[in-house]
Protein backbone atom coordinates (compact mmCIF):
# COMPACT_ATOMS: atom_id res chain seq x y z
CA MET A 1 -26.17 -9.04 -9.85
CA ASN A 2 -28.21 -6.89 -7.48
CA PHE A 3 -27.46 -5.97 -3.85
CA GLU A 4 -29.55 -8.77 -2.31
CA GLU A 5 -27.88 -11.41 -4.50
CA ALA A 6 -24.41 -10.13 -3.64
CA LEU A 7 -25.23 -10.09 0.08
CA ASP A 8 -26.68 -13.61 -0.08
CA LYS A 9 -23.49 -14.92 -1.67
CA HIS A 10 -21.55 -13.61 1.32
CA LEU A 11 -24.05 -14.94 3.86
CA MET A 12 -23.73 -18.40 2.30
CA GLY A 13 -19.93 -18.22 2.42
CA LYS A 14 -19.67 -18.53 -1.35
CA ALA A 15 -18.46 -15.02 -2.23
CA SER A 16 -15.83 -14.62 -4.93
CA LEU A 17 -13.62 -11.55 -5.37
CA GLU A 18 -16.07 -10.16 -7.93
CA ASP A 19 -19.00 -10.79 -5.59
CA SER A 20 -17.24 -8.71 -2.91
CA VAL A 21 -16.44 -5.92 -5.35
CA ASN A 22 -20.09 -5.87 -6.41
CA LEU A 23 -21.32 -5.81 -2.81
CA TYR A 24 -18.97 -2.93 -2.03
CA LEU A 25 -20.20 -0.90 -5.02
CA LEU A 26 -23.86 -1.77 -4.54
CA THR A 27 -23.86 -0.66 -0.90
CA ASN A 28 -24.71 2.87 -1.93
CA SER A 29 -27.75 3.96 0.08
CA PRO A 30 -28.58 4.29 3.81
CA GLU A 31 -30.90 1.30 3.63
CA ARG A 32 -28.23 -0.90 2.07
CA TRP A 33 -25.60 0.27 4.54
CA LEU A 34 -27.90 -0.77 7.39
CA SER A 35 -28.64 -4.12 5.76
CA LEU A 36 -24.94 -4.81 5.27
CA PHE A 37 -24.04 -3.77 8.82
CA SER A 38 -26.92 -5.74 10.33
CA ALA A 39 -26.00 -8.95 8.52
CA ALA A 40 -22.31 -8.62 9.42
CA SER A 41 -22.94 -7.85 13.11
CA GLU A 42 -25.41 -10.74 13.37
CA LEU A 43 -22.75 -13.09 11.99
CA ARG A 44 -20.23 -11.69 14.49
CA ASN A 45 -22.67 -12.37 17.33
CA LYS A 46 -23.12 -15.96 16.16
CA THR A 47 -19.42 -16.72 15.81
CA LEU A 48 -17.81 -14.62 18.54
CA GLY A 49 -20.67 -13.53 20.79
CA LYS A 50 -21.13 -10.05 22.19
CA ASP A 51 -18.52 -10.10 24.94
CA LEU A 52 -15.52 -7.82 24.38
CA VAL A 53 -11.94 -8.93 25.02
CA VAL A 54 -9.73 -6.28 26.64
CA ALA A 55 -6.06 -6.07 25.63
CA ALA A 56 -3.20 -3.64 26.30
CA HIS A 57 -1.00 -1.83 23.75
CA LEU A 58 2.63 -1.33 24.87
CA GLY A 59 5.47 0.30 22.94
CA MET A 60 7.74 1.22 21.39
CA ILE A 61 10.00 -1.80 21.87
CA ALA A 62 12.07 -1.25 18.69
CA PRO A 63 12.81 1.68 16.36
CA CYS A 64 11.85 1.81 12.69
CA VAL A 65 14.96 1.79 10.52
CA LEU A 66 13.35 1.63 7.09
CA ASN A 67 15.08 4.00 4.67
CA PRO A 68 13.29 5.95 3.45
CA LEU A 69 10.50 5.81 6.00
CA CYS A 70 6.88 5.23 4.99
CA ARG A 71 5.41 8.46 3.65
CA TYR A 72 2.24 8.32 5.75
CA CYS A 73 3.74 7.17 9.05
CA SER A 74 4.29 9.29 12.15
CA ALA A 75 7.91 8.09 12.13
CA SER A 76 8.52 10.27 9.05
CA SER A 77 7.02 13.40 10.64
CA THR A 78 9.22 16.45 11.15
CA ASP A 79 7.02 17.52 14.05
CA PRO A 80 8.96 16.76 17.27
CA LYS A 81 5.79 16.25 19.32
CA ILE A 82 4.64 13.52 16.95
CA ASN A 83 8.07 11.90 16.84
CA GLN A 84 8.19 11.79 20.63
CA GLU A 85 5.22 9.43 20.59
CA ARG A 86 7.54 6.81 19.06
CA GLU A 87 10.19 7.09 21.78
CA LEU A 88 11.60 3.72 22.80
CA LEU A 89 10.80 2.32 26.23
CA SER A 90 13.70 1.38 28.46
CA VAL A 91 13.68 -2.08 30.04
CA GLU A 92 12.78 -0.45 33.34
CA LYS A 93 9.82 1.43 31.90
CA LEU A 94 8.71 -1.61 29.93
CA GLN A 95 8.58 -3.62 33.13
CA GLU A 96 6.92 -0.79 35.06
CA TYR A 97 4.13 -0.53 32.51
CA ALA A 98 3.80 -4.30 32.17
CA GLU A 99 3.39 -4.51 35.94
CA ALA A 100 0.64 -1.88 35.79
CA ILE A 101 -1.08 -3.64 32.89
CA LYS A 102 -1.08 -6.90 34.85
CA LYS A 103 -3.47 -5.25 37.31
CA MET A 104 -5.90 -4.12 34.58
CA ASN A 105 -7.54 -7.52 34.05
CA VAL A 106 -6.59 -7.59 30.36
CA LYS A 107 -6.40 -10.79 28.29
CA PHE A 108 -3.15 -10.11 26.44
CA ILE A 109 -0.43 -7.51 25.76
CA HIS A 110 0.29 -6.12 22.30
CA LEU A 111 4.02 -5.28 22.08
CA VAL A 112 4.69 -2.91 19.20
CA GLY A 113 7.81 -1.57 17.50
CA GLY A 114 9.15 -0.46 14.15
CA THR A 115 10.55 -2.48 11.25
CA ASN A 116 14.03 -3.64 10.33
CA LEU A 117 14.25 -5.81 7.22
CA LEU A 118 17.60 -7.13 8.51
CA GLY A 119 15.95 -8.38 11.67
CA PHE A 120 15.10 -7.39 15.24
CA ASP A 121 15.53 -10.78 16.92
CA ASN A 122 17.74 -9.50 19.75
CA LEU A 123 15.61 -6.45 20.58
CA VAL A 124 12.39 -8.47 20.58
CA ARG A 125 13.97 -11.22 22.67
CA LYS A 126 15.14 -8.61 25.19
CA ALA A 127 11.66 -7.02 25.38
CA VAL A 128 9.87 -10.34 25.83
CA MET A 129 12.30 -11.49 28.52
CA ALA A 130 11.78 -8.19 30.36
CA VAL A 131 8.00 -8.53 30.26
CA ARG A 132 8.16 -12.18 31.26
CA GLU A 133 9.93 -11.20 34.49
CA VAL A 134 6.76 -9.43 35.68
CA THR A 135 3.80 -11.11 33.96
CA ASP A 136 2.82 -14.31 32.18
CA LEU A 137 0.02 -12.68 30.17
CA PRO A 138 -0.16 -13.89 26.55
CA LEU A 139 1.75 -11.64 24.14
CA GLU A 140 1.20 -10.40 20.61
CA ILE A 141 4.26 -9.00 18.76
CA SER A 142 4.10 -6.30 16.07
CA VAL A 143 7.43 -5.34 14.48
CA GLY A 144 6.68 -6.01 10.81
CA PRO A 145 8.71 -8.68 8.95
CA SER A 146 11.62 -8.31 11.38
CA LEU A 147 11.71 -11.79 12.90
CA SER A 148 13.57 -14.93 11.87
CA ARG A 149 12.06 -18.39 11.87
CA ASP A 150 14.28 -19.31 14.85
CA ILE A 151 13.04 -16.43 17.00
CA MET A 152 9.45 -17.34 16.11
CA LYS A 153 10.01 -20.78 17.63
CA TRP A 154 11.47 -19.17 20.77
CA LEU A 155 8.62 -16.63 21.01
CA LYS A 156 6.08 -19.42 20.79
CA SER A 157 7.76 -21.11 23.78
CA LYS A 158 7.48 -17.86 25.74
CA GLY A 159 3.73 -17.47 25.39
CA VAL A 160 3.64 -15.30 22.27
CA PHE A 161 0.48 -16.47 20.55
CA ARG A 162 0.25 -14.07 17.61
CA ILE A 163 2.54 -12.17 15.23
CA VAL A 164 1.38 -8.96 13.55
CA CYS A 165 2.60 -7.78 10.14
CA SER A 166 0.70 -5.11 8.21
CA LEU A 167 0.44 -5.96 4.54
CA GLU A 168 -1.34 -2.63 3.81
CA THR A 169 -2.04 -3.41 0.12
CA ILE A 170 -1.16 -6.00 -2.50
CA ASN A 171 -1.02 -3.29 -5.17
CA ARG A 172 2.73 -3.21 -5.73
CA VAL A 173 2.74 0.27 -7.25
CA ALA A 174 0.69 1.74 -4.40
CA PHE A 175 2.82 -0.12 -1.83
CA SER A 176 6.09 1.19 -3.27
CA GLU A 177 4.73 4.73 -3.47
CA ALA A 178 3.65 4.69 0.18
CA LYS A 179 6.46 2.53 1.58
CA PRO A 180 9.57 3.13 -0.58
CA GLY A 181 11.94 1.64 2.00
CA ASP A 182 9.87 -1.50 2.60
CA SER A 183 9.33 -4.74 0.68
CA LEU A 184 5.92 -6.22 -0.16
CA GLU A 185 7.53 -9.52 -1.14
CA ARG A 186 9.34 -9.70 2.18
CA ARG A 187 6.07 -9.15 4.06
CA ILE A 188 4.25 -11.84 2.07
CA ASP A 189 7.09 -14.33 2.63
CA PHE A 190 7.06 -13.44 6.32
CA MET A 191 3.34 -14.13 6.53
CA LYS A 192 3.91 -17.55 4.98
CA THR A 193 6.64 -18.33 7.50
CA VAL A 194 4.43 -17.36 10.45
CA ASN A 195 1.73 -19.60 9.03
CA GLU A 196 4.19 -22.50 8.65
CA GLU A 197 5.37 -22.09 12.25
CA GLY A 198 1.83 -22.49 13.53
CA LEU A 199 1.58 -19.09 15.20
CA GLU A 200 -1.58 -17.05 14.91
CA PHE A 201 -1.28 -14.14 12.53
CA LYS A 202 -2.70 -10.62 12.28
CA SER A 203 -2.55 -8.22 9.35
CA ILE A 204 -3.71 -4.68 8.62
CA ILE A 205 -4.95 -3.32 5.29
CA MET A 206 -5.01 0.40 4.62
CA ASN A 207 -7.96 2.02 2.87
CA GLY A 208 -6.48 4.85 0.83
CA LEU A 209 -3.60 2.98 -0.82
CA GLY A 210 -4.80 2.29 -4.34
CA ASP A 211 -8.49 2.21 -5.25
CA TYR A 212 -11.52 0.34 -3.90
CA ARG A 213 -10.71 -2.78 -5.92
CA ASP A 214 -7.21 -2.88 -4.46
CA LEU A 215 -8.80 -2.73 -1.00
CA ILE A 216 -11.11 -5.67 -1.69
CA GLU A 217 -8.40 -7.69 -3.45
CA SER A 218 -6.10 -7.17 -0.47
CA ILE A 219 -8.77 -8.54 1.86
CA HIS A 220 -9.35 -11.60 -0.32
CA PHE A 221 -5.59 -12.20 -0.58
CA HIS A 222 -5.51 -13.07 3.11
CA ARG A 223 -7.88 -16.02 2.67
CA GLN A 224 -4.90 -18.26 1.86
CA PHE A 225 -3.53 -18.01 5.41
CA ARG A 226 -5.21 -20.57 7.65
CA ASN A 227 -3.70 -19.11 10.84
CA LEU A 228 -5.05 -15.60 10.26
CA THR A 229 -7.09 -14.77 13.35
CA SER A 230 -7.22 -10.97 13.16
CA LEU A 231 -7.52 -8.45 10.34
CA SER A 232 -7.90 -4.69 10.70
CA ILE A 233 -8.95 -2.12 8.12
CA SER A 234 -7.11 1.16 8.70
CA THR A 235 -8.06 4.47 7.10
CA PHE A 236 -5.39 6.73 5.64
CA THR A 237 -5.37 9.99 7.57
CA PRO A 238 -2.67 12.58 6.82
CA ILE A 239 -0.27 13.28 9.69
CA LYS A 240 1.34 16.67 10.21
CA GLY A 241 4.94 16.86 9.07
CA THR A 242 4.94 13.69 6.96
CA PRO A 243 5.56 13.63 3.19
CA TRP A 244 1.85 12.85 2.75
CA GLU A 245 0.64 15.62 5.02
CA GLY A 246 -1.26 17.26 2.13
CA ARG A 247 -2.80 14.08 0.75
CA SER A 248 -6.59 13.74 0.99
CA PRO A 249 -7.81 11.40 3.75
CA ALA A 250 -9.67 8.21 2.93
CA SER A 251 -13.27 7.68 4.04
CA VAL A 252 -13.75 5.84 7.32
CA TRP A 253 -17.22 4.87 6.06
CA ASP A 254 -15.61 3.05 3.15
CA SER A 255 -13.37 1.33 5.71
CA LEU A 256 -16.44 0.23 7.67
CA LYS A 257 -18.06 -1.09 4.50
CA ALA A 258 -14.90 -3.10 3.79
CA LEU A 259 -14.92 -4.25 7.42
CA SER A 260 -18.40 -5.72 7.00
CA ILE A 261 -17.34 -7.60 3.88
CA THR A 262 -14.27 -8.87 5.76
CA ARG A 263 -16.54 -10.29 8.46
CA PHE A 264 -18.27 -12.53 5.88
CA LEU A 265 -14.92 -13.77 4.56
CA PHE A 266 -13.45 -14.39 8.04
CA PRO A 267 -16.46 -15.17 10.27
CA SER A 268 -14.51 -16.10 13.40
CA ALA A 269 -11.65 -13.59 13.19
CA ASP A 270 -11.19 -10.44 15.20
CA ILE A 271 -12.08 -7.74 12.65
CA GLY A 272 -11.90 -4.03 13.35
CA LEU A 273 -10.31 -0.63 12.92
CA PRO A 274 -6.82 -0.15 14.40
CA PHE A 275 -6.65 1.68 17.71
CA GLY A 276 -5.84 4.93 15.90
CA GLY A 277 -9.45 4.97 14.72
CA GLY A 278 -10.38 6.35 18.11
CA GLU A 279 -12.80 5.26 20.79
CA SER A 280 -15.61 7.34 19.25
CA LEU A 281 -15.75 4.83 16.37
CA LEU A 282 -16.11 1.77 18.59
CA PRO A 283 -19.96 1.69 18.51
CA VAL A 284 -20.20 1.93 14.72
CA THR A 285 -17.33 -0.55 14.35
CA LEU A 286 -19.31 -3.08 16.36
CA LEU A 287 -22.44 -2.19 14.40
CA ALA A 288 -20.58 -2.96 11.15
CA GLY A 289 -19.58 -6.43 12.33
CA GLY A 290 -16.29 -5.62 14.02
CA GLY A 291 -15.09 -7.19 17.25
CA ASN A 292 -14.30 -8.43 19.70
CA VAL A 293 -11.00 -6.94 20.95
CA MET A 294 -10.73 -3.60 22.74
CA MET A 295 -7.31 -2.10 23.46
CA PRO A 296 -7.93 0.56 26.13
CA ALA A 297 -4.52 0.52 27.82
CA LEU A 298 -2.16 2.43 25.54
CA ILE A 299 1.14 3.52 27.05
CA ASP A 300 2.42 6.89 25.89
CA ALA A 301 6.19 6.64 26.13
CA ALA A 302 6.72 10.34 25.53
CA LYS A 303 4.31 11.72 28.16
CA ARG A 304 4.84 8.78 30.51
CA THR A 305 1.12 8.63 31.15
CA ASP A 306 -1.67 6.17 30.46
CA ARG A 307 -4.29 7.14 27.88
CA THR A 308 -7.41 5.36 26.72
CA ARG A 309 -8.11 4.32 23.16
CA SER A 310 -10.21 1.54 21.70
CA ILE A 311 -10.55 -0.51 18.56
């Protein structure tokens, strides 16, 4: 199979796992990169249009209590400045920031927190009730597989339209190495429950856990979830003070190549890089077929200031 044949398979919506692996490997020259990006962005324009949706990122609403913590995550950093960025918001601050966000003309609020495999129902309920006192904007909740089926039903009644749970990789060895205190099986079961409850679902896959085939297999794995409406491709970048501080970073260009392939597999989904990718990557993300959500309102709990980042 040559590059054109592999690309055609994706354009026709008939790509298998092996077709995607071949397309990934065959995209190995500037001309092919441009062809891949052009085809993916054209499909995005047809399915989603060119208008960007603006959303707000607000957290932390819950701590991460995984033990041990993920080896790449800022939560495991020994650097106090980095740890401060994960400081929990009080109810008062949560409402203050939600009130400010309400004036930003955003479409929804992304409430983010850490993970507790035993559950965070009470903390999430408290955060949602606090936000609901000041705004009726749609909400997206990201606390990993920390929610029960009962709380999902309640969240749905309170205007939560989407649940976020990062799968990262389906390579069990790579998952356990990176996330020794977490459970891949628990995350997969959680995704199935969200799907059964009829809530929209978002996942994140990390480039840099396992090899390129693991990356593509992880993308294809998500095709079984009919309620998946958003999928991000993150890029492993070492963080100071974490156990993986000295590990080599993954290539953001490989992430963008995977992003383009993801667009063909999920034509109508919001596909992109997580907000940590930085606003400087927004143009090339859109060029590669990403879109259409921007998250420019990120609340820094430690500095108590508003910063701007985009995905």
